Amino acid sequence: MQKKAVLIYSGGMDSYTLLNQVIHDGLKPEELACLTFDYGQKHNKEIVYAQNVCKGLGITHKVIDITSINSLLGGSSLTDDIEIPEGHYEEDSMQSTVVPNRNMILLSLAVAYAVSLEADTVYYGAHSGDHAIYPDCRPEFVQKMDAVCRIANYQSVTIKTPFLHDSKIEILRKGLALGLDYSKSWTCYNGREAACGKCGACVERLEAFSENNVVDPLTYEK
């Protein structure tokens, strides 16, 4: 069956919710193709989580190695020999987790893949909690990237971000309503055996579970 959409799937809780949401909203697993990018992130454990979920759902899934571009993308604590900061995303220290131009690069590759599949949509999980730190998750970026991708090829491709104005708390609430098992997602920026519970990604995830009165099924370091 013809693929209808491409979804950028990191393996984190936002993209995990997004994947299941678009299926719930009517796209069949065989109408989706997921892309996961290995860009040299320290938390590459999320890639394994993405592979397992896609295999379980029977979704076409590609893991794309783009680590060779890291010589162009210096300065991020997610990829360089820089300590990952602790604290909430709202804190200025979290700016060190910005990977230069990451989403524009990933979206460009996803759009190219969509064109090759004759798919008309690319989904990614930008949300309001990312707006303070990540410019490429803000509404103005999404709007302009969508406009460019509609005219960049002979085939128009739309960028869709269903969670753009939702917080992680609201995203989790939607996923819980779908009955999702969040032990199938990985969020921590440190790719160790257990989640650290202190990096921005962990702090925001734990906050979302607390606000929804649910215990996070992941194991955290003591």
N, C-alpha and C. Protein backbone atom coordinates (compact mmCIF):
# COMPACT_ATOMS: atom_id res chain seq x y z
N MET A 1 0.84 -1.20 0.00
CA MET A 1 0.00 0.00 0.00
C MET A 1 0.88 1.25 0.00
N GLN A 2 0.44 2.26 -0.71
CA GLN A 2 1.20 3.50 -0.80
C GLN A 2 1.35 4.19 0.54
N LYS A 3 2.59 4.54 0.89
CA LYS A 3 2.81 5.29 2.11
C LYS A 3 2.18 6.67 1.99
N LYS A 4 1.57 7.16 3.04
CA LYS A 4 0.88 8.44 3.01
C LYS A 4 1.59 9.52 3.83
N ALA A 5 2.42 9.11 4.77
CA ALA A 5 3.07 10.10 5.62
C ALA A 5 4.39 9.56 6.16
N VAL A 6 5.30 10.50 6.43
CA VAL A 6 6.57 10.19 7.08
C VAL A 6 6.55 10.85 8.45
N LEU A 7 7.05 10.16 9.46
CA LEU A 7 7.07 10.70 10.81
C LEU A 7 8.49 10.60 11.36
N ILE A 8 9.01 11.74 11.84
CA ILE A 8 10.32 11.75 12.47
C ILE A 8 10.15 11.22 13.88
N TYR A 9 10.76 10.08 14.14
CA TYR A 9 10.52 9.35 15.39
C TYR A 9 11.82 9.19 16.17
N SER A 10 11.96 9.95 17.23
CA SER A 10 13.20 9.91 18.02
C SER A 10 13.25 8.72 18.96
N GLY A 11 12.09 8.25 19.39
CA GLY A 11 12.03 7.23 20.43
C GLY A 11 11.67 7.81 21.78
N GLY A 12 11.54 9.16 21.85
CA GLY A 12 11.14 9.84 23.08
C GLY A 12 9.64 9.82 23.28
N MET A 13 9.20 10.35 24.43
CA MET A 13 7.78 10.25 24.76
C MET A 13 6.89 11.12 23.88
N ASP A 14 7.42 12.23 23.37
CA ASP A 14 6.61 13.09 22.50
C ASP A 14 6.35 12.42 21.15
N SER A 15 7.41 11.92 20.52
CA SER A 15 7.23 11.29 19.22
C SER A 15 6.50 9.95 19.35
N TYR A 16 6.68 9.28 20.50
CA TYR A 16 5.94 8.04 20.76
C TYR A 16 4.44 8.32 20.83
N THR A 17 4.08 9.40 21.51
CA THR A 17 2.67 9.79 21.58
C THR A 17 2.17 10.21 20.23
N LEU A 18 2.98 10.99 19.51
CA LEU A 18 2.58 11.46 18.18
C LEU A 18 2.32 10.30 17.24
N LEU A 19 3.22 9.33 17.22
CA LEU A 19 3.05 8.17 16.35
C LEU A 19 1.73 7.47 16.61
N ASN A 20 1.45 7.23 17.87
CA ASN A 20 0.21 6.53 18.22
C ASN A 20 -1.02 7.40 18.00
N GLN A 21 -0.86 8.72 18.15
CA GLN A 21 -1.98 9.63 17.92
C GLN A 21 -2.40 9.64 16.46
N VAL A 22 -1.42 9.70 15.54
CA VAL A 22 -1.79 9.75 14.12
C VAL A 22 -2.41 8.43 13.67
N ILE A 23 -1.99 7.33 14.30
CA ILE A 23 -2.62 6.04 13.99
C ILE A 23 -4.05 6.03 14.53
N HIS A 24 -4.23 6.52 15.74
CA HIS A 24 -5.57 6.61 16.33
C HIS A 24 -6.48 7.50 15.50
N ASP A 25 -5.89 8.55 14.92
CA ASP A 25 -6.69 9.50 14.13
C ASP A 25 -7.02 9.00 12.73
N GLY A 26 -6.51 7.83 12.35
CA GLY A 26 -6.95 7.26 11.08
C GLY A 26 -5.90 6.72 10.14
N LEU A 27 -4.62 7.08 10.33
CA LEU A 27 -3.59 6.53 9.45
C LEU A 27 -3.27 5.10 9.88
N LYS A 28 -3.25 4.20 8.93
CA LYS A 28 -2.90 2.82 9.24
C LYS A 28 -1.38 2.68 9.33
N PRO A 29 -0.89 1.74 10.15
CA PRO A 29 0.56 1.55 10.27
C PRO A 29 1.25 1.38 8.92
N GLU A 30 0.58 0.70 7.98
CA GLU A 30 1.19 0.49 6.66
C GLU A 30 1.19 1.75 5.80
N GLU A 31 0.50 2.81 6.25
CA GLU A 31 0.51 4.08 5.54
C GLU A 31 1.53 5.05 6.10
N LEU A 32 2.31 4.58 7.08
CA LEU A 32 3.31 5.42 7.73
C LEU A 32 4.72 4.88 7.47
N ALA A 33 5.67 5.79 7.43
CA ALA A 33 7.09 5.42 7.41
C ALA A 33 7.79 6.30 8.44
N CYS A 34 8.51 5.67 9.35
CA CYS A 34 9.19 6.43 10.41
C CYS A 34 10.68 6.55 10.11
N LEU A 35 11.24 7.71 10.43
CA LEU A 35 12.67 7.97 10.31
C LEU A 35 13.23 8.30 11.67
N THR A 36 14.31 7.63 12.04
CA THR A 36 15.04 7.94 13.26
C THR A 36 16.47 8.29 12.87
N PHE A 37 16.99 9.37 13.44
CA PHE A 37 18.30 9.85 13.03
C PHE A 37 19.35 9.63 14.12
N ASP A 38 20.45 9.02 13.72
CA ASP A 38 21.61 8.92 14.59
C ASP A 38 22.54 10.06 14.22
N TYR A 39 22.52 11.12 15.04
CA TYR A 39 23.35 12.29 14.75
C TYR A 39 24.51 12.39 15.76
N GLY A 40 24.81 11.26 16.41
CA GLY A 40 25.89 11.23 17.38
C GLY A 40 25.46 11.62 18.77
N GLN A 41 24.16 11.61 19.04
CA GLN A 41 23.65 11.98 20.35
C GLN A 41 24.12 10.98 21.42
N LYS A 42 24.43 11.51 22.59
CA LYS A 42 24.87 10.65 23.69
C LYS A 42 23.76 9.69 24.11
N HIS A 43 22.54 10.13 23.97
CA HIS A 43 21.39 9.32 24.37
C HIS A 43 20.89 8.46 23.21
N ASN A 44 21.82 7.78 22.51
CA ASN A 44 21.39 6.98 21.35
C ASN A 44 20.60 5.74 21.76
N LYS A 45 20.43 5.55 23.06
CA LYS A 45 19.56 4.49 23.56
C LYS A 45 18.14 4.67 23.04
N GLU A 46 17.76 5.92 22.77
CA GLU A 46 16.42 6.19 22.26
C GLU A 46 16.19 5.53 20.90
N ILE A 47 17.25 5.31 20.15
CA ILE A 47 17.13 4.67 18.83
C ILE A 47 16.63 3.24 18.98
N VAL A 48 17.13 2.53 19.98
CA VAL A 48 16.70 1.15 20.22
C VAL A 48 15.21 1.13 20.58
N TYR A 49 14.78 2.09 21.40
CA TYR A 49 13.37 2.18 21.76
C TYR A 49 12.51 2.42 20.52
N ALA A 50 12.98 3.28 19.63
CA ALA A 50 12.24 3.56 18.40
C ALA A 50 12.14 2.31 17.53
N GLN A 51 13.22 1.58 17.42
CA GLN A 51 13.21 0.35 16.61
C GLN A 51 12.21 -0.65 17.16
N ASN A 52 12.21 -0.81 18.48
CA ASN A 52 11.31 -1.79 19.09
C ASN A 52 9.85 -1.44 18.89
N VAL A 53 9.51 -0.15 19.03
CA VAL A 53 8.11 0.27 18.87
C VAL A 53 7.66 0.06 17.43
N CYS A 54 8.47 0.48 16.48
CA CYS A 54 8.09 0.35 15.07
C CYS A 54 7.96 -1.11 14.66
N LYS A 55 8.85 -1.95 15.16
CA LYS A 55 8.76 -3.37 14.86
C LYS A 55 7.46 -3.95 15.41
N GLY A 56 7.12 -3.54 16.64
CA GLY A 56 5.90 -4.04 17.26
C GLY A 56 4.64 -3.62 16.55
N LEU A 57 4.67 -2.42 15.94
CA LEU A 57 3.49 -1.90 15.23
C LEU A 57 3.48 -2.28 13.75
N GLY A 58 4.56 -2.88 13.28
CA GLY A 58 4.65 -3.26 11.87
C GLY A 58 4.80 -2.06 10.94
N ILE A 59 5.54 -1.04 11.41
CA ILE A 59 5.71 0.18 10.64
C ILE A 59 7.08 0.19 9.95
N THR A 60 7.10 0.60 8.69
CA THR A 60 8.37 0.77 7.99
C THR A 60 9.23 1.77 8.76
N HIS A 61 10.48 1.39 9.03
CA HIS A 61 11.33 2.22 9.89
C HIS A 61 12.76 2.21 9.37
N LYS A 62 13.32 3.39 9.23
CA LYS A 62 14.72 3.53 8.83
C LYS A 62 15.47 4.32 9.89
N VAL A 63 16.65 3.83 10.26
CA VAL A 63 17.56 4.57 11.13
C VAL A 63 18.66 5.12 10.24
N ILE A 64 18.77 6.44 10.19
CA ILE A 64 19.71 7.09 9.27
C ILE A 64 20.91 7.63 10.04
N ASP A 65 22.08 7.17 9.66
CA ASP A 65 23.32 7.60 10.29
C ASP A 65 23.81 8.89 9.63
N ILE A 66 23.72 9.99 10.38
CA ILE A 66 24.21 11.28 9.87
C ILE A 66 25.33 11.81 10.77
N THR A 67 26.01 10.89 11.46
CA THR A 67 27.07 11.31 12.39
C THR A 67 28.22 12.01 11.67
N SER A 68 28.34 11.77 10.38
CA SER A 68 29.45 12.39 9.64
C SER A 68 29.34 13.91 9.59
N ILE A 69 28.15 14.46 9.87
CA ILE A 69 28.01 15.92 9.82
C ILE A 69 28.37 16.58 11.14
N ASN A 70 28.77 15.78 12.13
CA ASN A 70 29.04 16.35 13.46
C ASN A 70 30.19 17.35 13.46
N SER A 71 31.10 17.23 12.50
CA SER A 71 32.20 18.20 12.44
C SER A 71 31.69 19.60 12.10
N LEU A 72 30.45 19.68 11.62
CA LEU A 72 29.85 20.97 11.29
C LEU A 72 28.94 21.49 12.41
N LEU A 73 28.65 20.64 13.39
CA LEU A 73 27.61 20.96 14.38
C LEU A 73 28.16 21.04 15.79
N GLY A 74 29.28 21.68 16.00
CA GLY A 74 29.90 21.75 17.30
C GLY A 74 29.14 22.61 18.29
N GLY A 75 29.44 22.38 19.57
CA GLY A 75 28.93 23.27 20.61
C GLY A 75 27.73 22.78 21.38
N SER A 76 27.23 21.56 21.08
CA SER A 76 26.07 21.06 21.81
C SER A 76 26.50 20.01 22.82
N SER A 77 25.94 20.09 24.02
CA SER A 77 26.25 19.10 25.04
C SER A 77 25.66 17.73 24.72
N LEU A 78 24.74 17.66 23.74
CA LEU A 78 24.17 16.38 23.36
C LEU A 78 25.10 15.56 22.49
N THR A 79 26.04 16.24 21.83
CA THR A 79 26.92 15.54 20.89
C THR A 79 28.41 15.72 21.20
N ASP A 80 28.78 16.82 21.84
CA ASP A 80 30.19 17.11 22.10
C ASP A 80 30.59 16.70 23.52
N ASP A 81 31.88 16.82 23.79
CA ASP A 81 32.40 16.50 25.12
C ASP A 81 32.14 17.67 26.07
N ILE A 82 30.87 17.93 26.25
CA ILE A 82 30.40 19.01 27.13
C ILE A 82 29.40 18.39 28.09
N GLU A 83 29.52 18.69 29.36
CA GLU A 83 28.63 18.09 30.35
C GLU A 83 27.18 18.53 30.12
N ILE A 84 26.28 17.56 30.15
CA ILE A 84 24.86 17.85 29.98
C ILE A 84 24.34 18.55 31.24
N PRO A 85 23.73 19.72 31.10
CA PRO A 85 23.27 20.48 32.27
C PRO A 85 22.08 19.82 32.96
N GLU A 86 21.95 20.13 34.23
CA GLU A 86 20.80 19.66 35.00
C GLU A 86 19.85 20.82 35.21
N GLY A 87 18.57 20.50 35.38
CA GLY A 87 17.58 21.55 35.62
C GLY A 87 16.47 21.53 34.60
N HIS A 88 15.59 22.52 34.68
CA HIS A 88 14.41 22.60 33.82
C HIS A 88 14.75 23.26 32.50
N TYR A 89 13.97 22.94 31.47
CA TYR A 89 14.17 23.52 30.14
C TYR A 89 14.11 25.05 30.13
N GLU A 90 13.39 25.61 31.08
CA GLU A 90 13.23 27.06 31.10
C GLU A 90 14.53 27.78 31.48
N GLU A 91 15.49 27.05 32.04
CA GLU A 91 16.72 27.67 32.50
C GLU A 91 17.68 27.90 31.34
N ASP A 92 18.40 29.04 31.39
CA ASP A 92 19.32 29.41 30.31
C ASP A 92 20.40 28.36 30.07
N SER A 93 20.77 27.64 31.12
CA SER A 93 21.82 26.63 30.99
C SER A 93 21.47 25.55 29.98
N MET A 94 20.18 25.33 29.76
CA MET A 94 19.74 24.29 28.83
C MET A 94 20.02 24.63 27.38
N GLN A 95 20.41 25.87 27.11
CA GLN A 95 20.72 26.24 25.73
C GLN A 95 21.90 25.46 25.18
N SER A 96 22.72 24.89 26.07
CA SER A 96 23.85 24.08 25.60
C SER A 96 23.40 22.79 24.93
N THR A 97 22.11 22.43 25.11
CA THR A 97 21.60 21.21 24.48
C THR A 97 21.10 21.46 23.05
N VAL A 98 21.17 22.68 22.60
CA VAL A 98 20.75 22.98 21.22
C VAL A 98 21.79 22.41 20.25
N VAL A 99 21.33 21.61 19.29
CA VAL A 99 22.18 21.13 18.21
C VAL A 99 21.92 22.05 17.02
N PRO A 100 22.95 22.78 16.54
CA PRO A 100 22.74 23.79 15.50
C PRO A 100 21.98 23.27 14.28
N ASN A 101 20.84 23.91 14.00
CA ASN A 101 20.07 23.65 12.79
C ASN A 101 19.52 22.22 12.68
N ARG A 102 19.43 21.53 13.82
CA ARG A 102 19.07 20.11 13.79
C ARG A 102 17.76 19.84 13.07
N ASN A 103 16.69 20.52 13.48
CA ASN A 103 15.39 20.17 12.91
C ASN A 103 15.26 20.55 11.44
N MET A 104 15.95 21.61 11.02
CA MET A 104 15.92 21.93 9.60
C MET A 104 16.59 20.82 8.78
N ILE A 105 17.69 20.30 9.31
CA ILE A 105 18.38 19.20 8.63
C ILE A 105 17.50 17.95 8.60
N LEU A 106 16.95 17.59 9.75
CA LEU A 106 16.14 16.37 9.82
C LEU A 106 14.87 16.49 8.97
N LEU A 107 14.24 17.65 9.01
CA LEU A 107 13.04 17.85 8.20
C LEU A 107 13.35 17.79 6.71
N SER A 108 14.48 18.35 6.31
CA SER A 108 14.86 18.32 4.90
C SER A 108 15.02 16.88 4.42
N LEU A 109 15.67 16.05 5.23
CA LEU A 109 15.85 14.65 4.86
C LEU A 109 14.51 13.91 4.86
N ALA A 110 13.67 14.22 5.84
CA ALA A 110 12.36 13.56 5.91
C ALA A 110 11.48 13.95 4.72
N VAL A 111 11.56 15.20 4.31
CA VAL A 111 10.79 15.65 3.14
C VAL A 111 11.28 14.96 1.87
N ALA A 112 12.59 14.82 1.73
CA ALA A 112 13.13 14.11 0.58
C ALA A 112 12.62 12.67 0.54
N TYR A 113 12.59 12.03 1.70
CA TYR A 113 12.07 10.66 1.80
C TYR A 113 10.59 10.63 1.44
N ALA A 114 9.83 11.61 1.93
CA ALA A 114 8.41 11.68 1.62
C ALA A 114 8.17 11.81 0.12
N VAL A 115 8.96 12.65 -0.54
CA VAL A 115 8.82 12.82 -1.99
C VAL A 115 9.08 11.49 -2.70
N SER A 116 10.09 10.77 -2.24
CA SER A 116 10.41 9.50 -2.89
C SER A 116 9.30 8.47 -2.71
N LEU A 117 8.54 8.60 -1.62
CA LEU A 117 7.42 7.69 -1.35
C LEU A 117 6.09 8.20 -1.89
N GLU A 118 6.13 9.42 -2.46
CA GLU A 118 4.91 10.10 -2.90
C GLU A 118 3.96 10.32 -1.72
N ALA A 119 4.54 10.54 -0.55
CA ALA A 119 3.77 10.91 0.64
C ALA A 119 3.64 12.43 0.67
N ASP A 120 2.57 12.92 1.24
CA ASP A 120 2.32 14.36 1.20
C ASP A 120 2.49 15.06 2.54
N THR A 121 2.91 14.31 3.57
CA THR A 121 2.98 14.89 4.91
C THR A 121 4.21 14.38 5.67
N VAL A 122 4.83 15.29 6.42
CA VAL A 122 5.88 14.91 7.38
C VAL A 122 5.45 15.41 8.75
N TYR A 123 5.43 14.52 9.73
CA TYR A 123 5.09 14.87 11.10
C TYR A 123 6.36 14.95 11.96
N TYR A 124 6.38 15.92 12.89
CA TYR A 124 7.39 15.86 13.95
C TYR A 124 6.81 16.46 15.23
N GLY A 125 7.45 16.09 16.35
CA GLY A 125 6.82 16.31 17.65
C GLY A 125 7.17 17.58 18.40
N ALA A 126 7.36 18.69 17.71
CA ALA A 126 7.61 19.96 18.40
C ALA A 126 6.44 20.28 19.32
N HIS A 127 6.76 20.84 20.50
CA HIS A 127 5.70 21.21 21.44
C HIS A 127 6.08 22.46 22.19
N SER A 128 5.13 23.02 22.93
CA SER A 128 5.32 24.34 23.53
C SER A 128 6.41 24.35 24.60
N GLY A 129 6.67 23.22 25.22
CA GLY A 129 7.71 23.17 26.23
C GLY A 129 9.10 23.39 25.67
N ASP A 130 9.25 23.20 24.36
CA ASP A 130 10.54 23.39 23.69
C ASP A 130 10.75 24.83 23.23
N HIS A 131 9.71 25.64 23.23
CA HIS A 131 9.79 26.96 22.61
C HIS A 131 10.86 27.86 23.23
N ALA A 132 11.01 27.77 24.55
CA ALA A 132 11.92 28.69 25.24
C ALA A 132 13.37 28.48 24.84
N ILE A 133 13.76 27.23 24.60
CA ILE A 133 15.16 26.90 24.34
C ILE A 133 15.45 26.61 22.87
N TYR A 134 14.53 25.94 22.19
CA TYR A 134 14.81 25.46 20.84
C TYR A 134 14.08 26.29 19.77
N PRO A 135 14.81 27.15 19.05
CA PRO A 135 14.17 27.98 18.01
C PRO A 135 13.49 27.16 16.93
N ASP A 136 14.02 25.94 16.65
CA ASP A 136 13.44 25.14 15.57
C ASP A 136 12.25 24.30 16.02
N CYS A 137 11.69 24.66 17.18
CA CYS A 137 10.43 24.07 17.63
C CYS A 137 9.35 25.14 17.80
N ARG A 138 9.68 26.37 17.44
CA ARG A 138 8.75 27.48 17.63
C ARG A 138 7.79 27.60 16.45
N PRO A 139 6.59 28.14 16.70
CA PRO A 139 5.59 28.25 15.64
C PRO A 139 6.09 28.95 14.38
N GLU A 140 6.87 30.04 14.54
CA GLU A 140 7.32 30.77 13.36
C GLU A 140 8.25 29.93 12.48
N PHE A 141 9.07 29.06 13.12
CA PHE A 141 9.93 28.17 12.34
C PHE A 141 9.08 27.15 11.60
N VAL A 142 8.13 26.54 12.30
CA VAL A 142 7.28 25.52 11.68
C VAL A 142 6.51 26.11 10.50
N GLN A 143 5.96 27.30 10.68
CA GLN A 143 5.18 27.94 9.61
C GLN A 143 6.03 28.18 8.36
N LYS A 144 7.23 28.69 8.56
CA LYS A 144 8.08 29.00 7.41
C LYS A 144 8.65 27.74 6.78
N MET A 145 8.98 26.75 7.59
CA MET A 145 9.47 25.49 7.05
C MET A 145 8.38 24.78 6.26
N ASP A 146 7.17 24.85 6.75
CA ASP A 146 6.04 24.27 6.02
C ASP A 146 5.86 24.96 4.67
N ALA A 147 5.95 26.29 4.67
CA ALA A 147 5.79 27.04 3.41
C ALA A 147 6.87 26.67 2.40
N VAL A 148 8.11 26.51 2.87
CA VAL A 148 9.21 26.13 1.97
C VAL A 148 9.02 24.73 1.42
N CYS A 149 8.62 23.79 2.29
CA CYS A 149 8.50 22.40 1.86
C CYS A 149 7.33 22.18 0.90
N ARG A 150 6.39 23.08 0.93
CA ARG A 150 5.28 22.98 -0.03
C ARG A 150 5.72 23.33 -1.46
N ILE A 151 6.82 24.09 -1.58
CA ILE A 151 7.25 24.54 -2.91
C ILE A 151 8.65 24.05 -3.29
N ALA A 152 9.31 23.31 -2.40
CA ALA A 152 10.71 22.92 -2.63
C ALA A 152 10.87 21.82 -3.67
N ASN A 153 9.79 21.09 -3.95
CA ASN A 153 9.84 19.99 -4.92
C ASN A 153 8.63 20.08 -5.85
N TYR A 154 8.65 19.28 -6.90
CA TYR A 154 7.49 19.23 -7.77
C TYR A 154 6.27 18.73 -7.01
N GLN A 155 6.53 17.91 -6.00
CA GLN A 155 5.46 17.41 -5.13
C GLN A 155 5.45 18.21 -3.84
N SER A 156 4.31 18.75 -3.48
CA SER A 156 4.18 19.53 -2.25
C SER A 156 4.14 18.60 -1.03
N VAL A 157 4.89 18.95 -0.01
CA VAL A 157 4.89 18.20 1.25
C VAL A 157 4.55 19.16 2.38
N THR A 158 3.62 18.75 3.22
CA THR A 158 3.18 19.57 4.36
C THR A 158 3.87 19.13 5.64
N ILE A 159 4.31 20.09 6.43
CA ILE A 159 4.88 19.80 7.75
C ILE A 159 3.78 19.93 8.79
N LYS A 160 3.54 18.88 9.55
CA LYS A 160 2.50 18.90 10.56
C LYS A 160 3.08 18.66 11.95
N THR A 161 2.68 19.51 12.89
CA THR A 161 3.13 19.43 14.27
C THR A 161 1.91 19.51 15.19
N PRO A 162 1.19 18.41 15.35
CA PRO A 162 -0.07 18.44 16.11
C PRO A 162 0.07 18.89 17.56
N PHE A 163 1.28 18.78 18.13
CA PHE A 163 1.47 19.14 19.53
C PHE A 163 2.15 20.50 19.71
N LEU A 164 2.21 21.28 18.67
CA LEU A 164 2.98 22.52 18.69
C LEU A 164 2.60 23.45 19.84
N HIS A 165 1.33 23.49 20.19
CA HIS A 165 0.88 24.40 21.25
C HIS A 165 0.53 23.67 22.54
N ASP A 166 0.93 22.41 22.63
CA ASP A 166 0.69 21.61 23.84
C ASP A 166 1.95 21.53 24.69
N SER A 167 1.77 21.46 25.98
CA SER A 167 2.88 21.19 26.89
C SER A 167 3.11 19.69 26.97
N LYS A 168 4.23 19.30 27.56
CA LYS A 168 4.48 17.86 27.72
C LYS A 168 3.43 17.25 28.65
N ILE A 169 2.94 18.04 29.59
CA ILE A 169 1.88 17.56 30.48
C ILE A 169 0.64 17.19 29.66
N GLU A 170 0.28 18.05 28.71
CA GLU A 170 -0.90 17.81 27.88
C GLU A 170 -0.66 16.66 26.91
N ILE A 171 0.56 16.55 26.39
CA ILE A 171 0.89 15.45 25.48
C ILE A 171 0.75 14.12 26.21
N LEU A 172 1.30 14.06 27.42
CA LEU A 172 1.20 12.82 28.20
C LEU A 172 -0.25 12.50 28.50
N ARG A 173 -1.03 13.50 28.82
CA ARG A 173 -2.45 13.29 29.11
C ARG A 173 -3.16 12.65 27.91
N LYS A 174 -2.82 13.10 26.72
CA LYS A 174 -3.41 12.52 25.50
C LYS A 174 -2.96 11.08 25.32
N GLY A 175 -1.69 10.82 25.59
CA GLY A 175 -1.18 9.46 25.45
C GLY A 175 -1.77 8.51 26.46
N LEU A 176 -1.96 8.97 27.68
CA LEU A 176 -2.57 8.14 28.71
C LEU A 176 -4.01 7.81 28.34
N ALA A 177 -4.69 8.77 27.72
CA ALA A 177 -6.07 8.52 27.27
C ALA A 177 -6.12 7.45 26.19
N LEU A 178 -5.01 7.31 25.46
CA LEU A 178 -4.91 6.26 24.43
C LEU A 178 -4.45 4.93 25.03
N GLY A 179 -4.12 4.94 26.32
CA GLY A 179 -3.68 3.72 26.98
C GLY A 179 -2.24 3.34 26.66
N LEU A 180 -1.39 4.33 26.35
CA LEU A 180 -0.02 4.03 25.93
C LEU A 180 0.87 3.61 27.09
N ASP A 181 1.82 2.74 26.78
CA ASP A 181 2.79 2.25 27.75
C ASP A 181 4.09 3.04 27.57
N TYR A 182 4.36 3.95 28.50
CA TYR A 182 5.51 4.84 28.34
C TYR A 182 6.85 4.22 28.74
N SER A 183 6.81 2.96 29.13
CA SER A 183 8.07 2.26 29.32
C SER A 183 8.71 1.96 27.96
N LYS A 184 7.95 2.19 26.90
CA LYS A 184 8.44 1.98 25.53
C LYS A 184 9.08 3.23 24.95
N SER A 185 9.26 4.26 25.77
CA SER A 185 9.89 5.51 25.31
C SER A 185 11.08 5.83 26.19
N TRP A 186 12.08 6.51 25.62
CA TRP A 186 13.27 6.92 26.37
C TRP A 186 13.44 8.42 26.22
N THR A 187 13.68 9.11 27.32
CA THR A 187 13.74 10.57 27.31
C THR A 187 15.09 11.12 27.75
N CYS A 188 15.74 10.46 28.70
CA CYS A 188 16.95 10.99 29.33
C CYS A 188 18.06 11.30 28.33
N TYR A 189 18.71 12.46 28.50
CA TYR A 189 19.81 12.87 27.63
C TYR A 189 21.09 12.07 27.91
N ASN A 190 21.14 11.41 29.06
CA ASN A 190 22.27 10.53 29.37
C ASN A 190 21.86 9.11 29.02
N GLY A 191 22.57 8.47 28.15
CA GLY A 191 22.17 7.15 27.66
C GLY A 191 22.63 6.01 28.54
N ARG A 192 22.55 6.18 29.85
CA ARG A 192 23.00 5.14 30.76
C ARG A 192 21.87 4.10 30.97
N GLU A 193 22.14 3.10 31.81
CA GLU A 193 21.20 2.02 32.01
C GLU A 193 19.86 2.54 32.54
N ALA A 194 19.92 3.45 33.50
CA ALA A 194 18.71 4.06 34.06
C ALA A 194 18.71 5.55 33.73
N ALA A 195 17.53 6.15 33.71
CA ALA A 195 17.42 7.59 33.46
C ALA A 195 18.00 8.36 34.63
N CYS A 196 18.64 9.52 34.35
CA CYS A 196 19.33 10.25 35.41
C CYS A 196 18.38 10.99 36.34
N GLY A 197 17.23 11.44 35.81
CA GLY A 197 16.26 12.18 36.63
C GLY A 197 16.62 13.62 36.87
N LYS A 198 17.74 14.10 36.31
CA LYS A 198 18.21 15.45 36.60
C LYS A 198 18.37 16.34 35.39
N CYS A 199 18.57 15.77 34.21
CA CYS A 199 18.71 16.59 33.00
C CYS A 199 17.37 17.23 32.66
N GLY A 200 17.37 18.21 31.79
CA GLY A 200 16.14 18.91 31.44
C GLY A 200 15.06 17.98 30.92
N ALA A 201 15.47 17.00 30.09
CA ALA A 201 14.50 16.07 29.52
C ALA A 201 13.83 15.24 30.61
N CYS A 202 14.62 14.76 31.56
CA CYS A 202 14.06 13.97 32.66
C CYS A 202 13.17 14.82 33.57
N VAL A 203 13.64 16.02 33.90
CA VAL A 203 12.88 16.89 34.80
C VAL A 203 11.50 17.18 34.21
N GLU A 204 11.46 17.49 32.90
CA GLU A 204 10.17 17.80 32.28
C GLU A 204 9.29 16.56 32.19
N ARG A 205 9.90 15.42 31.91
CA ARG A 205 9.12 14.18 31.84
C ARG A 205 8.51 13.85 33.20
N LEU A 206 9.33 13.90 34.24
CA LEU A 206 8.83 13.60 35.58
C LEU A 206 7.75 14.58 36.02
N GLU A 207 7.91 15.84 35.64
CA GLU A 207 6.90 16.85 35.93
C GLU A 207 5.58 16.50 35.26
N ALA A 208 5.66 16.02 34.02
CA ALA A 208 4.44 15.66 33.28
C ALA A 208 3.72 14.50 33.96
N PHE A 209 4.47 13.50 34.39
CA PHE A 209 3.84 12.36 35.08
C PHE A 209 3.25 12.79 36.42
N SER A 210 3.97 13.62 37.15
CA SER A 210 3.47 14.10 38.44
C SER A 210 2.17 14.88 38.28
N GLU A 211 2.13 15.76 37.28
CA GLU A 211 0.94 16.59 37.05
C GLU A 211 -0.25 15.75 36.58
N ASN A 212 0.03 14.57 36.02
CA ASN A 212 -1.05 13.68 35.60
C ASN A 212 -1.34 12.60 36.64
N ASN A 213 -0.68 12.71 37.82
CA ASN A 213 -0.89 11.78 38.92
C ASN A 213 -0.65 10.32 38.52
N VAL A 214 0.41 10.13 37.74
CA VAL A 214 0.79 8.79 37.27
C VAL A 214 2.28 8.60 37.56
N VAL A 215 2.66 7.37 37.87
CA VAL A 215 4.07 7.06 38.13
C VAL A 215 4.75 6.70 36.80
N ASP A 216 5.88 7.32 36.54
CA ASP A 216 6.66 7.03 35.34
C ASP A 216 7.17 5.59 35.41
N PRO A 217 6.92 4.77 34.40
CA PRO A 217 7.36 3.37 34.43
C PRO A 217 8.86 3.17 34.22
N LEU A 218 9.59 4.22 33.80
CA LEU A 218 11.02 4.07 33.61
C LEU A 218 11.74 4.00 34.97
N THR A 219 12.89 3.33 34.97
CA THR A 219 13.72 3.25 36.16
C THR A 219 14.69 4.44 36.18
N TYR A 220 14.80 5.09 37.35
CA TYR A 220 15.67 6.25 37.49
C TYR A 220 16.81 5.95 38.47
N GLU A 221 17.94 6.59 38.23
CA GLU A 221 19.08 6.46 39.13
C GLU A 221 18.72 7.05 40.49
N LYS A 222 19.24 6.46 41.54
CA LYS A 222 18.94 6.94 42.90
C LYS A 222 19.91 8.07 43.26
